[in-house]
Amino acid sequence: MAENESILVTGAAGQLGAVGRTVTGLLLERGLPVRAMVRREDDRAAALRAAGSASRRSRGCCPSCRHRLLTAA
């Protein structure tokens, strides 16, 4: 992985099993750069940002949406 690349975690603030939040937390604990995709700007998204991820709101339903998520500064 290149130095300036982030790992995109979709469903990062999800409630169903909290898999996305768990994965995001594990990656951040290892010092890896994480970009968290969330559907809503809420307390869960704020907690992801506070933990160190770059969270972005998006449905991620189309290729251009996912591209913007990966390339946004």
PDB file of N, CA and C in Angstrom:
ATOM      1  N   MET A   1       0.838  -1.167   0.000  1.00  0.00           N
ATOM      2  CA  MET A   1       0.000   0.000   0.000  1.00  0.00           C
ATOM      3  C   MET A   1       0.890   1.240   0.000  1.00  0.00           C
ATOM      4  N   ALA A   2       0.581   2.170  -0.870  1.00  0.00           N
ATOM      5  CA  ALA A   2       1.354   3.405  -0.952  1.00  0.00           C
ATOM      6  C   ALA A   2       1.110   4.260   0.291  1.00  0.00           C
ATOM      7  N   GLU A   3       2.067   5.112   0.602  1.00  0.00           N
ATOM      8  CA  GLU A   3       1.984   5.934   1.812  1.00  0.00           C
ATOM      9  C   GLU A   3       0.756   6.821   1.860  1.00  0.00           C
ATOM     10  N   ASN A   4       0.327   7.340   0.745  1.00  0.00           N
ATOM     11  CA  ASN A   4      -0.771   8.297   0.739  1.00  0.00           C
ATOM     12  C   ASN A   4      -2.137   7.653   0.508  1.00  0.00           C
ATOM     13  N   GLU A   5      -2.236   6.349   0.529  1.00  0.00           N
ATOM     14  CA  GLU A   5      -3.507   5.667   0.293  1.00  0.00           C
ATOM     15  C   GLU A   5      -4.223   5.390   1.595  1.00  0.00           C
ATOM     16  N   SER A   6      -5.550   5.443   1.531  1.00  0.00           N
ATOM     17  CA  SER A   6      -6.394   5.113   2.673  1.00  0.00           C
ATOM     18  C   SER A   6      -7.166   3.851   2.373  1.00  0.00           C
ATOM     19  N   ILE A   7      -7.583   3.185   3.427  1.00  0.00           N
ATOM     20  CA  ILE A   7      -8.440   2.019   3.299  1.00  0.00           C
ATOM     21  C   ILE A   7      -9.881   2.502   3.444  1.00  0.00           C
ATOM     22  N   LEU A   8     -10.716   2.217   2.464  1.00  0.00           N
ATOM     23  CA  LEU A   8     -12.119   2.615   2.507  1.00  0.00           C
ATOM     24  C   LEU A   8     -12.924   1.516   3.188  1.00  0.00           C
ATOM     25  N   VAL A   9     -13.631   1.895   4.248  1.00  0.00           N
ATOM     26  CA  VAL A   9     -14.522   0.967   4.945  1.00  0.00           C
ATOM     27  C   VAL A   9     -15.942   1.443   4.693  1.00  0.00           C
ATOM     28  N   THR A  10     -16.724   0.629   3.988  1.00  0.00           N
ATOM     29  CA  THR A  10     -18.112   0.976   3.745  1.00  0.00           C
ATOM     30  C   THR A  10     -18.950   0.473   4.908  1.00  0.00           C
ATOM     31  N   GLY A  11     -20.026   1.183   5.208  1.00  0.00           N
ATOM     32  CA  GLY A  11     -20.869   0.807   6.333  1.00  0.00           C
ATOM     33  C   GLY A  11     -20.150   0.948   7.666  1.00  0.00           C
ATOM     34  N   ALA A  12     -19.262   1.913   7.744  1.00  0.00           N
ATOM     35  CA  ALA A  12     -18.390   2.050   8.911  1.00  0.00           C
ATOM     36  C   ALA A  12     -19.138   2.399  10.183  1.00  0.00           C
ATOM     37  N   ALA A  13     -20.293   3.025  10.075  1.00  0.00           N
ATOM     38  CA  ALA A  13     -21.051   3.395  11.274  1.00  0.00           C
ATOM     39  C   ALA A  13     -22.250   2.480  11.471  1.00  0.00           C
ATOM     40  N   GLY A  14     -22.290   1.391  10.743  1.00  0.00           N
ATOM     41  CA  GLY A  14     -23.451   0.519  10.756  1.00  0.00           C
ATOM     42  C   GLY A  14     -23.817  -0.047  12.117  1.00  0.00           C
ATOM     43  N   GLN A  15     -25.092  -0.351  12.259  1.00  0.00           N
ATOM     44  CA  GLN A  15     -25.601  -0.896  13.507  1.00  0.00           C
ATOM     45  C   GLN A  15     -25.661  -2.418  13.479  1.00  0.00           C
ATOM     46  N   LEU A  16     -25.868  -2.995  12.336  1.00  0.00           N
ATOM     47  CA  LEU A  16     -26.053  -4.438  12.226  1.00  0.00           C
ATOM     48  C   LEU A  16     -24.752  -5.175  12.526  1.00  0.00           C
ATOM     49  N   GLY A  17     -24.602  -5.591  13.759  1.00  0.00           N
ATOM     50  CA  GLY A  17     -23.404  -6.312  14.162  1.00  0.00           C
ATOM     51  C   GLY A  17     -22.195  -5.435  14.389  1.00  0.00           C
ATOM     52  N   ALA A  18     -22.279  -4.187  14.022  1.00  0.00           N
ATOM     53  CA  ALA A  18     -21.186  -3.220  14.185  1.00  0.00           C
ATOM     54  C   ALA A  18     -19.891  -3.702  13.542  1.00  0.00           C
ATOM     55  N   VAL A  19     -19.992  -4.475  12.465  1.00  0.00           N
ATOM     56  CA  VAL A  19     -18.805  -5.003  11.794  1.00  0.00           C
ATOM     57  C   VAL A  19     -17.949  -3.877  11.239  1.00  0.00           C
ATOM     58  N   GLY A  20     -18.572  -2.907  10.556  1.00  0.00           N
ATOM     59  CA  GLY A  20     -17.821  -1.801   9.987  1.00  0.00           C
ATOM     60  C   GLY A  20     -17.094  -0.991  11.042  1.00  0.00           C
ATOM     61  N   ARG A  21     -17.767  -0.744  12.173  1.00  0.00           N
ATOM     62  CA  ARG A  21     -17.122   0.010  13.254  1.00  0.00           C
ATOM     63  C   ARG A  21     -15.967  -0.780  13.847  1.00  0.00           C
ATOM     64  N   THR A  22     -16.155  -2.091  13.985  1.00  0.00           N
ATOM     65  CA  THR A  22     -15.089  -2.943  14.530  1.00  0.00           C
ATOM     66  C   THR A  22     -13.883  -2.953  13.609  1.00  0.00           C
ATOM     67  N   VAL A  23     -14.114  -3.128  12.323  1.00  0.00           N
ATOM     68  CA  VAL A  23     -13.023  -3.143  11.342  1.00  0.00           C
ATOM     69  C   VAL A  23     -12.297  -1.801  11.340  1.00  0.00           C
ATOM     70  N   THR A  24     -13.061  -0.706  11.352  1.00  0.00           N
ATOM     71  CA  THR A  24     -12.453   0.627  11.375  1.00  0.00           C
ATOM     72  C   THR A  24     -11.577   0.789  12.606  1.00  0.00           C
ATOM     73  N   GLY A  25     -12.085   0.389  13.767  1.00  0.00           N
ATOM     74  CA  GLY A  25     -11.315   0.491  15.000  1.00  0.00           C
ATOM     75  C   GLY A  25     -10.035  -0.325  14.967  1.00  0.00           C
ATOM     76  N   LEU A  26     -10.115  -1.543  14.446  1.00  0.00           N
ATOM     77  CA  LEU A  26      -8.930  -2.400  14.364  1.00  0.00           C
ATOM     78  C   LEU A  26      -7.867  -1.807  13.438  1.00  0.00           C
ATOM     79  N   LEU A  27      -8.308  -1.257  12.309  1.00  0.00           N
ATOM     80  CA  LEU A  27      -7.363  -0.642  11.374  1.00  0.00           C
ATOM     81  C   LEU A  27      -6.705   0.591  11.989  1.00  0.00           C
ATOM     82  N   LEU A  28      -7.506   1.414  12.665  1.00  0.00           N
ATOM     83  CA  LEU A  28      -6.958   2.609  13.298  1.00  0.00           C
ATOM     84  C   LEU A  28      -5.981   2.248  14.411  1.00  0.00           C
ATOM     85  N   GLU A  29      -6.289   1.197  15.170  1.00  0.00           N
ATOM     86  CA  GLU A  29      -5.378   0.742  16.231  1.00  0.00           C
ATOM     87  C   GLU A  29      -4.014   0.364  15.669  1.00  0.00           C
ATOM     88  N   ARG A  30      -3.994  -0.109  14.440  1.00  0.00           N
ATOM     89  CA  ARG A  30      -2.742  -0.500  13.798  1.00  0.00           C
ATOM     90  C   ARG A  30      -2.049   0.680  13.115  1.00  0.00           C
ATOM     91  N   GLY A  31      -2.655   1.858  13.249  1.00  0.00           N
ATOM     92  CA  GLY A  31      -2.054   3.057  12.677  1.00  0.00           C
ATOM     93  C   GLY A  31      -2.257   3.212  11.181  1.00  0.00           C
ATOM     94  N   LEU A  32      -3.222   2.501  10.628  1.00  0.00           N
ATOM     95  CA  LEU A  32      -3.479   2.584   9.192  1.00  0.00           C
ATOM     96  C   LEU A  32      -4.461   3.708   8.885  1.00  0.00           C
ATOM     97  N   PRO A  33      -4.294   4.377   7.750  1.00  0.00           N
ATOM     98  CA  PRO A  33      -5.211   5.461   7.379  1.00  0.00           C
ATOM     99  C   PRO A  33      -6.540   4.894   6.897  1.00  0.00           C
ATOM    100  N   VAL A  34      -7.618   5.367   7.493  1.00  0.00           N
ATOM    101  CA  VAL A  34      -8.946   4.837   7.176  1.00  0.00           C
ATOM    102  C   VAL A  34      -9.852   5.967   6.711  1.00  0.00           C
ATOM    103  N   ARG A  35     -10.572   5.703   5.641  1.00  0.00           N
ATOM    104  CA  ARG A  35     -11.636   6.581   5.166  1.00  0.00           C
ATOM    105  C   ARG A  35     -12.936   5.818   5.383  1.00  0.00           C
ATOM    106  N   ALA A  36     -13.791   6.339   6.244  1.00  0.00           N
ATOM    107  CA  ALA A  36     -15.022   5.651   6.632  1.00  0.00           C
ATOM    108  C   ALA A  36     -16.205   6.210   5.858  1.00  0.00           C
ATOM    109  N   MET A  37     -16.930   5.349   5.168  1.00  0.00           N
ATOM    110  CA  MET A  37     -18.122   5.776   4.450  1.00  0.00           C
ATOM    111  C   MET A  37     -19.339   5.586   5.353  1.00  0.00           C
ATOM    112  N   VAL A  38     -20.086   6.665   5.548  1.00  0.00           N
ATOM    113  CA  VAL A  38     -21.282   6.628   6.387  1.00  0.00           C
ATOM    114  C   VAL A  38     -22.463   7.176   5.592  1.00  0.00           C
ATOM    115  N   ARG A  39     -23.658   6.752   5.952  1.00  0.00           N
ATOM    116  CA  ARG A  39     -24.851   7.256   5.260  1.00  0.00           C
ATOM    117  C   ARG A  39     -25.394   8.536   5.889  1.00  0.00           C
ATOM    118  N   ARG A  40     -25.160   8.694   7.185  1.00  0.00           N
ATOM    119  CA  ARG A  40     -25.679   9.861   7.890  1.00  0.00           C
ATOM    120  C   ARG A  40     -24.578  10.520   8.710  1.00  0.00           C
ATOM    121  N   GLU A  41     -24.672  11.832   8.835  1.00  0.00           N
ATOM    122  CA  GLU A  41     -23.809  12.565   9.760  1.00  0.00           C
ATOM    123  C   GLU A  41     -24.515  12.531  11.109  1.00  0.00           C
ATOM    124  N   ASP A  42     -24.097  11.637  11.975  1.00  0.00           N
ATOM    125  CA  ASP A  42     -24.708  11.508  13.291  1.00  0.00           C
ATOM    126  C   ASP A  42     -23.622  11.258  14.332  1.00  0.00           C
ATOM    127  N   ASP A  43     -24.015  10.867  15.524  1.00  0.00           N
ATOM    128  CA  ASP A  43     -23.047  10.639  16.601  1.00  0.00           C
ATOM    129  C   ASP A  43     -22.034   9.559  16.244  1.00  0.00           C
ATOM    130  N   ARG A  44     -22.485   8.530  15.519  1.00  0.00           N
ATOM    131  CA  ARG A  44     -21.568   7.453  15.138  1.00  0.00           C
ATOM    132  C   ARG A  44     -20.506   7.952  14.169  1.00  0.00           C
ATOM    133  N   ALA A  45     -20.912   8.791  13.210  1.00  0.00           N
ATOM    134  CA  ALA A  45     -19.943   9.367  12.264  1.00  0.00           C
ATOM    135  C   ALA A  45     -18.964  10.282  12.996  1.00  0.00           C
ATOM    136  N   ALA A  46     -19.469  11.041  13.948  1.00  0.00           N
ATOM    137  CA  ALA A  46     -18.593  11.925  14.734  1.00  0.00           C
ATOM    138  C   ALA A  46     -17.601  11.100  15.551  1.00  0.00           C
ATOM    139  N   ALA A  47     -18.044   9.978  16.090  1.00  0.00           N
ATOM    140  CA  ALA A  47     -17.150   9.114  16.871  1.00  0.00           C
ATOM    141  C   ALA A  47     -16.055   8.523  15.991  1.00  0.00           C
ATOM    142  N   LEU A  48     -16.381   8.177  14.759  1.00  0.00           N
ATOM    143  CA  LEU A  48     -15.376   7.661  13.828  1.00  0.00           C
ATOM    144  C   LEU A  48     -14.317   8.716  13.525  1.00  0.00           C
ATOM    145  N   ARG A  49     -14.772   9.960  13.321  1.00  0.00           N
ATOM    146  CA  ARG A  49     -13.818  11.049  13.082  1.00  0.00           C
ATOM    147  C   ARG A  49     -12.952  11.293  14.312  1.00  0.00           C
ATOM    148  N   ALA A  50     -13.580  11.269  15.486  1.00  0.00           N
ATOM    149  CA  ALA A  50     -12.830  11.493  16.725  1.00  0.00           C
ATOM    150  C   ALA A  50     -11.775  10.405  16.943  1.00  0.00           C
ATOM    151  N   ALA A  51     -12.059   9.196  16.456  1.00  0.00           N
ATOM    152  CA  ALA A  51     -11.117   8.080  16.595  1.00  0.00           C
ATOM    153  C   ALA A  51      -9.958   8.190  15.602  1.00  0.00           C
ATOM    154  N   GLY A  52     -10.110   9.057  14.594  1.00  0.00           N
ATOM    155  CA  GLY A  52      -9.009   9.250  13.657  1.00  0.00           C
ATOM    156  C   GLY A  52      -9.297   8.927  12.209  1.00  0.00           C
ATOM    157  N   SER A  53     -10.512   8.505  11.910  1.00  0.00           N
ATOM    158  CA  SER A  53     -10.816   8.202  10.507  1.00  0.00           C
ATOM    159  C   SER A  53     -11.280   9.469   9.797  1.00  0.00           C
ATOM    160  N   ALA A  54     -11.149   9.460   8.503  1.00  0.00           N
ATOM    161  CA  ALA A  54     -11.696  10.532   7.676  1.00  0.00           C
ATOM    162  C   ALA A  54     -13.047  10.028   7.199  1.00  0.00           C
ATOM    163  N   SER A  55     -14.121  10.401   7.876  1.00  0.00           N
ATOM    164  CA  SER A  55     -15.425   9.881   7.482  1.00  0.00           C
ATOM    165  C   SER A  55     -16.055  10.790   6.442  1.00  0.00           C
ATOM    166  N   ARG A  56     -16.752  10.180   5.519  1.00  0.00           N
ATOM    167  CA  ARG A  56     -17.436  10.889   4.449  1.00  0.00           C
ATOM    168  C   ARG A  56     -18.847  10.337   4.331  1.00  0.00           C
ATOM    169  N   ARG A  57     -19.789  11.244   4.131  1.00  0.00           N
ATOM    170  CA  ARG A  57     -21.172  10.837   3.949  1.00  0.00           C
ATOM    171  C   ARG A  57     -21.408  10.517   2.480  1.00  0.00           C
ATOM    172  N   SER A  58     -21.935   9.335   2.212  1.00  0.00           N
ATOM    173  CA  SER A  58     -22.232   8.926   0.843  1.00  0.00           C
ATOM    174  C   SER A  58     -23.027   7.637   0.871  1.00  0.00           C
ATOM    175  N   ARG A  59     -23.883   7.461  -0.118  1.00  0.00           N
ATOM    176  CA  ARG A  59     -24.544   6.168  -0.275  1.00  0.00           C
ATOM    177  C   ARG A  59     -23.615   5.212  -1.007  1.00  0.00           C
ATOM    178  N   GLY A  60     -22.661   5.734  -1.746  1.00  0.00           N
ATOM    179  CA  GLY A  60     -21.702   4.898  -2.459  1.00  0.00           C
ATOM    180  C   GLY A  60     -22.329   3.987  -3.482  1.00  0.00           C
ATOM    181  N   CYS A  61     -23.445   4.438  -4.046  1.00  0.00           N
ATOM    182  CA  CYS A  61     -24.221   3.559  -4.916  1.00  0.00           C
ATOM    183  C   CYS A  61     -23.721   3.516  -6.358  1.00  0.00           C
ATOM    184  N   CYS A  62     -22.902   4.464  -6.754  1.00  0.00           N
ATOM    185  CA  CYS A  62     -22.444   4.466  -8.141  1.00  0.00           C
ATOM    186  C   CYS A  62     -20.918   4.592  -8.171  1.00  0.00           C
ATOM    187  N   PRO A  63     -20.297   4.163  -9.238  1.00  0.00           N
ATOM    188  CA  PRO A  63     -18.837   4.227  -9.329  1.00  0.00           C
ATOM    189  C   PRO A  63     -18.276   5.637  -9.122  1.00  0.00           C
ATOM    190  N   SER A  64     -18.959   6.654  -9.638  1.00  0.00           N
ATOM    191  CA  SER A  64     -18.432   8.011  -9.474  1.00  0.00           C
ATOM    192  C   SER A  64     -18.479   8.456  -8.010  1.00  0.00           C
ATOM    193  N   CYS A  65     -19.494   8.000  -7.263  1.00  0.00           N
ATOM    194  CA  CYS A  65     -19.559   8.320  -5.823  1.00  0.00           C
ATOM    195  C   CYS A  65     -18.389   7.673  -5.087  1.00  0.00           C
ATOM    196  N   ARG A  66     -18.125   6.426  -5.386  1.00  0.00           N
ATOM    197  CA  ARG A  66     -17.010   5.727  -4.727  1.00  0.00           C
ATOM    198  C   ARG A  66     -15.673   6.353  -5.110  1.00  0.00           C
ATOM    199  N   HIS A  67     -15.547   6.771  -6.367  1.00  0.00           N
ATOM    200  CA  HIS A  67     -14.305   7.423  -6.808  1.00  0.00           C
ATOM    201  C   HIS A  67     -14.070   8.715  -6.024  1.00  0.00           C
ATOM    202  N   ARG A  68     -15.133   9.514  -5.854  1.00  0.00           N
ATOM    203  CA  ARG A  68     -15.002  10.763  -5.077  1.00  0.00           C
ATOM    204  C   ARG A  68     -14.600  10.465  -3.642  1.00  0.00           C
ATOM    205  N   LEU A  69     -15.134   9.391  -3.059  1.00  0.00           N
ATOM    206  CA  LEU A  69     -14.766   9.031  -1.697  1.00  0.00           C
ATOM    207  C   LEU A  69     -13.284   8.703  -1.582  1.00  0.00           C
ATOM    208  N   LEU A  70     -12.784   8.011  -2.571  1.00  0.00           N
ATOM    209  CA  LEU A  70     -11.380   7.569  -2.520  1.00  0.00           C
ATOM    210  C   LEU A  70     -10.400   8.671  -2.849  1.00  0.00           C
ATOM    211  N   THR A  71     -10.830   9.655  -3.625  1.00  0.00           N
ATOM    212  CA  THR A  71      -9.884  10.676  -4.066  1.00  0.00           C
ATOM    213  C   THR A  71     -10.042  12.005  -3.331  1.00  0.00           C
ATOM    214  N   ALA A  72     -11.063  12.162  -2.507  1.00  0.00           N
ATOM    215  CA  ALA A  72     -11.261  13.421  -1.771  1.00  0.00           C
ATOM    216  C   ALA A  72     -10.150  13.633  -0.766  1.00  0.00           C
ATOM    217  N   ALA A  73      -9.765  14.860  -0.635  1.00  0.00           N
ATOM    218  CA  ALA A  73      -8.685  15.189   0.329  1.00  0.00           C
ATOM    219  C   ALA A  73      -9.233  15.244   1.731  1.00  0.00           C
TER     220      ALA A  73
END
